[in-house]
N, C-alpha and C. Protein backbone atom coordinates (compact mmCIF):
# COMPACT_ATOMS: atom_id res chain seq x y z
N UNK A 1 30.19 -23.61 -46.76
CA UNK A 1 29.81 -22.65 -45.44
C UNK A 1 30.29 -23.36 -44.32
N UNK A 2 30.99 -22.76 -43.47
CA UNK A 2 31.54 -23.41 -42.22
C UNK A 2 30.63 -22.98 -41.13
N UNK A 3 30.92 -23.61 -39.98
CA UNK A 3 30.01 -23.64 -38.84
C UNK A 3 29.63 -22.06 -38.28
N UNK A 4 30.85 -21.34 -38.28
CA UNK A 4 30.77 -20.04 -37.64
C UNK A 4 30.05 -19.26 -38.82
N UNK A 5 29.87 -19.50 -39.92
CA UNK A 5 29.22 -18.68 -40.76
C UNK A 5 27.63 -19.12 -40.77
N UNK A 6 27.38 -20.53 -40.49
CA UNK A 6 26.10 -20.87 -40.10
C UNK A 6 25.47 -20.21 -38.85
N UNK A 7 26.35 -20.11 -37.91
CA UNK A 7 26.00 -19.29 -36.62
C UNK A 7 25.76 -17.84 -36.74
N UNK A 8 26.39 -17.22 -37.59
CA UNK A 8 26.14 -15.85 -38.00
C UNK A 8 25.06 -15.78 -38.56
N UNK A 9 24.60 -16.66 -39.42
CA UNK A 9 23.18 -16.72 -40.05
C UNK A 9 22.08 -16.93 -39.10
N UNK A 10 22.27 -17.81 -38.18
CA UNK A 10 21.28 -17.83 -37.23
C UNK A 10 20.92 -16.65 -36.22
N UNK A 11 22.07 -15.99 -35.96
CA UNK A 11 21.87 -14.94 -34.95
C UNK A 11 21.44 -13.78 -36.00
N UNK A 12 21.70 -13.57 -37.28
CA UNK A 12 21.29 -12.65 -37.95
C UNK A 12 19.82 -12.77 -38.25
N UNK A 13 19.31 -13.87 -38.31
CA UNK A 13 17.96 -14.23 -38.70
C UNK A 13 17.17 -13.90 -37.38
N UNK A 14 17.74 -14.51 -35.92
CA UNK A 14 16.91 -14.07 -34.84
C UNK A 14 17.01 -12.48 -34.48
N UNK A 15 17.94 -11.77 -34.81
CA UNK A 15 18.28 -10.53 -34.34
C UNK A 15 17.84 -9.54 -35.60
N UNK A 16 17.88 -9.92 -36.76
CA UNK A 16 18.12 -8.92 -37.87
C UNK A 16 19.01 -7.55 -37.70
N UNK A 17 20.19 -7.94 -36.99
CA UNK A 17 21.06 -6.98 -36.66
C UNK A 17 22.51 -7.42 -37.00
N UNK A 18 23.17 -6.64 -37.96
CA UNK A 18 24.49 -7.45 -38.16
C UNK A 18 25.60 -7.21 -37.18
N UNK A 19 25.42 -5.99 -36.44
CA UNK A 19 26.40 -5.85 -35.35
C UNK A 19 26.33 -6.87 -34.20
N UNK A 20 25.11 -7.19 -33.90
CA UNK A 20 24.93 -8.25 -32.75
C UNK A 20 25.40 -9.49 -33.24
N UNK A 21 25.03 -9.90 -34.54
CA UNK A 21 25.22 -11.26 -35.06
C UNK A 21 26.82 -11.51 -35.18
N UNK A 22 27.42 -10.39 -35.59
CA UNK A 22 28.71 -10.61 -35.76
C UNK A 22 29.57 -10.47 -34.33
N UNK A 23 29.08 -9.95 -33.44
CA UNK A 23 29.76 -9.95 -31.94
C UNK A 23 29.59 -11.28 -31.52
N UNK A 24 28.26 -11.81 -31.56
CA UNK A 24 28.05 -13.10 -31.00
C UNK A 24 29.05 -14.26 -31.63
N UNK A 25 29.27 -13.92 -32.86
CA UNK A 25 30.24 -15.07 -33.48
C UNK A 25 31.89 -14.60 -33.29
N UNK A 26 32.15 -13.63 -32.84
CA UNK A 26 33.36 -13.28 -32.77
C UNK A 26 34.14 -12.67 -33.94
N UNK A 27 33.16 -12.21 -34.97
CA UNK A 27 33.78 -11.46 -36.09
C UNK A 27 33.65 -9.98 -36.06
N UNK A 28 34.53 -9.28 -37.02
CA UNK A 28 34.59 -7.78 -36.65
C UNK A 28 33.37 -7.32 -37.62
N UNK A 29 32.77 -6.27 -37.16
CA UNK A 29 31.78 -5.57 -37.94
C UNK A 29 31.74 -5.79 -39.27
N UNK A 30 32.91 -5.47 -39.77
CA UNK A 30 33.16 -5.24 -41.36
C UNK A 30 33.02 -6.62 -41.92
N UNK A 31 33.41 -7.76 -41.35
CA UNK A 31 33.27 -9.14 -41.71
C UNK A 31 31.80 -9.42 -42.01
N UNK A 32 30.94 -9.07 -41.06
CA UNK A 32 29.45 -9.17 -41.09
C UNK A 32 28.77 -8.96 -42.32
N UNK A 33 29.29 -7.73 -42.84
CA UNK A 33 28.67 -7.10 -43.85
C UNK A 33 29.36 -7.53 -45.19
N UNK A 34 30.68 -8.04 -45.05
CA UNK A 34 31.00 -8.82 -46.33
C UNK A 34 30.23 -10.01 -46.35
N UNK A 35 29.87 -11.04 -45.21
CA UNK A 35 29.14 -11.98 -45.31
C UNK A 35 27.94 -11.90 -46.10
N UNK A 36 27.17 -10.98 -45.56
CA UNK A 36 25.91 -10.61 -46.09
C UNK A 36 25.80 -10.43 -47.70
N UNK A 37 26.90 -10.05 -48.26
CA UNK A 37 27.05 -9.80 -49.62
C UNK A 37 27.38 -11.22 -50.50
N UNK A 38 27.70 -12.25 -49.59
CA UNK A 38 27.90 -13.42 -50.30
C UNK A 38 26.67 -14.21 -50.79
N UNK A 39 26.72 -14.80 -51.75
CA UNK A 39 25.46 -15.46 -52.24
C UNK A 39 25.05 -16.63 -51.61
N UNK A 40 26.08 -17.41 -51.10
CA UNK A 40 25.60 -18.80 -50.36
C UNK A 40 25.16 -18.22 -49.01
N UNK A 41 25.69 -17.07 -48.33
CA UNK A 41 25.19 -16.54 -47.04
C UNK A 41 23.57 -16.10 -47.36
N UNK A 42 23.56 -15.11 -48.37
CA UNK A 42 22.26 -14.56 -48.69
C UNK A 42 21.28 -15.80 -48.86
N UNK A 43 21.64 -16.73 -49.62
CA UNK A 43 20.62 -17.51 -49.87
C UNK A 43 20.32 -18.64 -48.85
N UNK A 44 21.15 -18.86 -47.77
CA UNK A 44 21.05 -19.85 -46.71
C UNK A 44 20.12 -18.81 -45.62
N UNK A 45 20.40 -17.67 -45.51
CA UNK A 45 19.38 -16.85 -44.82
C UNK A 45 18.13 -16.74 -45.19
N UNK A 46 17.98 -16.57 -46.61
CA UNK A 46 16.53 -16.47 -47.25
C UNK A 46 15.81 -17.70 -46.95
N UNK A 47 16.49 -18.84 -47.08
CA UNK A 47 15.80 -20.09 -46.97
C UNK A 47 15.35 -20.51 -45.40
N UNK A 48 16.30 -20.05 -44.64
CA UNK A 48 15.93 -20.45 -43.15
C UNK A 48 14.80 -19.36 -42.74
N UNK A 49 14.80 -17.99 -43.28
CA UNK A 49 13.89 -16.92 -43.08
C UNK A 49 12.51 -17.74 -43.29
N UNK A 50 12.37 -18.33 -44.41
CA UNK A 50 11.02 -18.97 -44.89
C UNK A 50 10.54 -20.11 -43.78
N UNK A 51 11.65 -20.77 -43.36
CA UNK A 51 11.50 -21.91 -42.45
C UNK A 51 11.03 -21.36 -41.09
N UNK A 52 11.46 -20.19 -40.72
CA UNK A 52 11.14 -19.60 -39.54
C UNK A 52 9.73 -19.23 -39.35
N UNK A 53 9.28 -18.56 -40.55
CA UNK A 53 7.90 -18.14 -40.47
C UNK A 53 6.74 -19.25 -40.29
N UNK A 54 6.95 -20.61 -40.47
CA UNK A 54 5.92 -21.47 -40.29
C UNK A 54 6.29 -22.21 -38.91
N UNK A 55 5.51 -22.38 -38.09
CA UNK A 55 5.72 -22.95 -36.79
C UNK A 55 6.03 -24.58 -37.15
N UNK A 56 6.69 -25.04 -36.36
CA UNK A 56 6.88 -26.49 -36.62
C UNK A 56 6.03 -27.35 -35.47
N UNK A 57 5.95 -28.69 -35.73
CA UNK A 57 5.14 -29.42 -34.53
C UNK A 57 5.60 -29.24 -33.27
N UNK A 58 6.82 -29.30 -32.99
CA UNK A 58 7.37 -29.13 -31.58
C UNK A 58 7.04 -27.82 -31.07
N UNK A 59 7.12 -26.85 -31.77
CA UNK A 59 6.86 -25.44 -31.45
C UNK A 59 5.27 -25.29 -30.92
N UNK A 60 4.40 -25.94 -31.82
CA UNK A 60 2.98 -25.91 -31.54
C UNK A 60 2.77 -26.49 -30.21
N UNK A 61 3.25 -27.66 -30.02
CA UNK A 61 3.27 -28.67 -28.88
C UNK A 61 3.75 -27.79 -27.51
N UNK A 62 4.77 -27.36 -27.84
CA UNK A 62 5.58 -26.30 -26.62
C UNK A 62 4.75 -25.18 -26.21
N UNK A 63 4.00 -24.47 -27.14
CA UNK A 63 3.31 -23.35 -26.99
C UNK A 63 1.85 -23.89 -26.19
N UNK A 64 1.38 -24.92 -26.85
CA UNK A 64 0.09 -25.27 -25.92
C UNK A 64 0.35 -25.85 -24.59
N UNK A 65 1.67 -26.66 -24.48
CA UNK A 65 2.16 -26.99 -23.05
C UNK A 65 1.99 -25.74 -22.06
N UNK A 66 2.77 -24.79 -22.47
CA UNK A 66 2.87 -23.46 -21.81
C UNK A 66 1.79 -22.74 -21.33
N UNK A 67 0.55 -23.06 -22.41
CA UNK A 67 -0.63 -22.37 -22.09
C UNK A 67 -1.25 -23.17 -21.14
N UNK A 68 -1.41 -24.50 -21.24
CA UNK A 68 -1.98 -25.45 -20.48
C UNK A 68 -1.60 -25.09 -18.92
N UNK A 69 -0.17 -25.02 -18.74
CA UNK A 69 0.33 -24.86 -17.49
C UNK A 69 0.28 -23.43 -16.87
N UNK A 70 -0.32 -22.63 -17.65
CA UNK A 70 -0.72 -21.14 -17.42
C UNK A 70 0.67 -20.25 -17.26
N UNK A 71 1.40 -20.66 -18.22
CA UNK A 71 2.81 -19.80 -18.29
C UNK A 71 2.55 -18.85 -19.79
N UNK A 72 2.07 -17.68 -19.59
CA UNK A 72 2.00 -17.08 -20.71
C UNK A 72 3.13 -16.04 -21.03
N UNK A 73 2.79 -15.41 -22.04
CA UNK A 73 3.75 -14.34 -22.47
C UNK A 73 3.43 -13.00 -21.77
N UNK A 74 4.63 -12.20 -22.02
CA UNK A 74 4.48 -10.93 -21.15
C UNK A 74 4.02 -9.96 -21.91
N UNK A 75 3.21 -8.90 -21.27
CA UNK A 75 2.63 -7.83 -22.25
C UNK A 75 3.59 -6.89 -22.18
N UNK A 76 3.01 -5.71 -22.61
CA UNK A 76 4.07 -4.29 -22.91
C UNK A 76 4.58 -3.71 -21.73
N UNK A 77 3.90 -4.22 -20.40
CA UNK A 77 4.51 -3.75 -19.26
C UNK A 77 5.48 -4.70 -18.52
N UNK A 78 5.97 -5.60 -19.47
CA UNK A 78 6.62 -6.74 -19.03
C UNK A 78 6.13 -7.52 -17.90
N UNK A 79 4.78 -7.68 -17.68
CA UNK A 79 4.09 -8.36 -16.74
C UNK A 79 3.62 -9.69 -17.37
N UNK A 80 3.40 -10.72 -16.74
CA UNK A 80 2.81 -11.99 -17.27
C UNK A 80 1.51 -11.92 -17.57
N UNK A 81 0.95 -12.27 -18.80
CA UNK A 81 -0.56 -12.25 -18.93
C UNK A 81 -1.25 -13.38 -18.24
N UNK A 82 -2.37 -13.18 -17.74
CA UNK A 82 -3.24 -14.28 -17.32
C UNK A 82 -3.69 -14.95 -18.19
N UNK A 83 -3.70 -16.38 -18.31
CA UNK A 83 -4.46 -17.07 -19.24
C UNK A 83 -5.62 -17.91 -18.24
N UNK A 84 -6.56 -17.60 -18.94
CA UNK A 84 -7.98 -18.16 -18.44
C UNK A 84 -8.01 -19.63 -18.18
N UNK A 85 -8.90 -20.20 -17.39
CA UNK A 85 -9.16 -21.56 -17.15
C UNK A 85 -9.64 -22.17 -18.61
N UNK A 86 -10.43 -21.43 -19.32
CA UNK A 86 -11.01 -21.83 -20.40
C UNK A 86 -9.94 -22.12 -21.54
N UNK A 87 -8.95 -21.11 -21.64
CA UNK A 87 -7.89 -21.38 -22.59
C UNK A 87 -7.10 -22.45 -22.17
N UNK A 88 -6.90 -22.52 -20.90
CA UNK A 88 -5.90 -23.60 -20.53
C UNK A 88 -6.57 -25.13 -20.71
N UNK A 89 -8.03 -25.16 -20.54
CA UNK A 89 -8.69 -26.48 -20.79
C UNK A 89 -8.49 -26.67 -22.36
N UNK A 90 -8.61 -25.62 -23.20
CA UNK A 90 -8.76 -25.97 -24.56
C UNK A 90 -7.13 -26.30 -25.01
N UNK A 91 -6.21 -25.88 -24.38
CA UNK A 91 -4.86 -26.23 -24.83
C UNK A 91 -4.64 -27.79 -24.36
N UNK A 92 -5.40 -27.97 -23.20
CA UNK A 92 -5.15 -29.43 -22.60
C UNK A 92 -5.85 -30.42 -23.70
N UNK A 93 -7.08 -29.88 -24.07
CA UNK A 93 -7.82 -30.77 -25.04
C UNK A 93 -6.98 -31.01 -26.40
N UNK A 94 -6.58 -29.88 -26.85
CA UNK A 94 -5.50 -30.28 -28.06
C UNK A 94 -4.39 -30.94 -28.09
N UNK A 95 -3.70 -30.89 -26.83
CA UNK A 95 -2.65 -31.61 -26.49
C UNK A 95 -3.20 -33.08 -26.34
N UNK A 96 -4.20 -33.31 -25.87
CA UNK A 96 -4.73 -34.77 -25.85
C UNK A 96 -5.09 -35.34 -27.20
N UNK A 97 -5.72 -34.53 -27.92
CA UNK A 97 -5.88 -34.83 -29.36
C UNK A 97 -4.60 -35.25 -30.07
N UNK A 98 -3.53 -34.54 -29.69
CA UNK A 98 -2.23 -34.75 -30.39
C UNK A 98 -1.66 -36.02 -30.08
N UNK A 99 -1.77 -36.33 -28.61
CA UNK A 99 -1.19 -37.45 -28.17
C UNK A 99 -2.32 -38.69 -28.06
N UNK A 100 -3.40 -38.69 -28.71
CA UNK A 100 -4.50 -39.49 -28.79
C UNK A 100 -4.83 -40.15 -27.40
N UNK A 101 -4.95 -39.26 -26.53
CA UNK A 101 -5.30 -39.66 -25.31
C UNK A 101 -6.74 -40.09 -25.01
N UNK A 102 -7.64 -39.19 -26.04
CA UNK A 102 -9.01 -39.33 -25.71
C UNK A 102 -9.39 -40.34 -26.96
N UNK A 103 -9.66 -41.51 -26.50
CA UNK A 103 -10.16 -42.58 -27.73
C UNK A 103 -11.67 -42.55 -27.84
N UNK A 104 -12.25 -42.75 -28.78
CA UNK A 104 -13.70 -43.03 -28.95
C UNK A 104 -14.18 -44.32 -28.04
N UNK A 105 -15.46 -44.07 -27.40
CA UNK A 105 -15.79 -45.24 -26.52
C UNK A 105 -16.32 -46.29 -27.42
N UNK A 106 -15.96 -47.62 -26.88
CA UNK A 106 -16.59 -48.70 -28.01
C UNK A 106 -17.87 -49.33 -27.31
N UNK A 107 -18.88 -49.18 -28.19
CA UNK A 107 -20.21 -50.06 -27.52
C UNK A 107 -20.04 -51.40 -27.58
N UNK A 108 -20.02 -51.93 -26.37
CA UNK A 108 -20.13 -53.35 -26.35
C UNK A 108 -21.46 -53.82 -26.02
N UNK A 109 -22.34 -53.07 -26.13
CA UNK A 109 -23.84 -53.69 -25.92
C UNK A 109 -24.75 -54.18 -27.10
N UNK A 110 -23.99 -54.39 -28.08
CA UNK A 110 -24.50 -54.96 -29.42
C UNK A 110 -24.97 -56.48 -29.09
N UNK A 111 -26.27 -56.77 -29.52
CA UNK A 111 -26.74 -58.14 -29.68
C UNK A 111 -26.13 -58.98 -30.88
N UNK A 112 -25.89 -59.94 -30.75
CA UNK A 112 -25.37 -60.48 -31.86
C UNK A 112 -26.01 -61.95 -31.96
N UNK A 113 -26.15 -62.39 -33.23
CA UNK A 113 -26.92 -63.80 -33.35
C UNK A 113 -25.82 -64.72 -33.84
N UNK A 114 -25.84 -65.98 -33.21
CA UNK A 114 -25.06 -66.92 -33.54
C UNK A 114 -25.87 -68.07 -34.23
N UNK A 115 -25.44 -68.60 -35.33
CA UNK A 115 -26.14 -69.49 -36.29
C UNK A 115 -25.20 -70.81 -36.05
N UNK A 116 -25.76 -71.97 -35.99
CA UNK A 116 -25.12 -73.12 -35.71
C UNK A 116 -25.33 -74.06 -37.03
N UNK A 117 -24.29 -74.06 -37.76
CA UNK A 117 -24.50 -74.99 -38.87
C UNK A 117 -24.57 -76.43 -38.71
N UNK A 118 -25.62 -77.06 -39.18
CA UNK A 118 -25.56 -78.45 -39.07
C UNK A 118 -26.58 -78.65 -37.71
N UNK A 119 -27.36 -77.56 -37.53
CA UNK A 119 -28.28 -77.81 -36.40
C UNK A 119 -29.20 -78.92 -36.46
N UNK A 120 -29.64 -79.24 -37.63
CA UNK A 120 -30.59 -80.35 -38.11
C UNK A 120 -29.90 -81.76 -37.43
N UNK A 121 -28.56 -81.77 -37.21
CA UNK A 121 -28.05 -82.91 -36.87
C UNK A 121 -28.09 -83.05 -35.16
N UNK A 122 -28.51 -81.90 -34.55
CA UNK A 122 -28.45 -82.08 -33.08
C UNK A 122 -29.63 -82.77 -32.60
N UNK A 123 -29.38 -83.76 -31.42
CA UNK A 123 -30.54 -84.26 -30.98
C UNK A 123 -31.05 -83.68 -29.66
N UNK A 124 -32.13 -83.71 -29.59
CA UNK A 124 -32.69 -82.87 -28.36
C UNK A 124 -32.95 -83.82 -27.27
């Protein structure tokens, strides 16, 4: 499979539209339909669709960062949704955990006993 075919697959996965995917790659529409009949192309698309359904760690971190910064998605009216302070703090907390920013406090107030070996040899 060549790079142009992989690019076609990428656009097809994103849009689920043969016309758009073929135009973006510079193919004729008939070529896109033929490509979708090719077993290698079908398998490549199926495998990548499976991978697209599960968010990877970079996507999760990117999403949390957007929420923390108050950059939400758009609603049905194409207006940005407000993100509450509570949601922003929760996103910041989760990011802090990812990056191990919050480490458990160490208790340095323990009393420890010291035993001196050979203390019977010490003169007072």
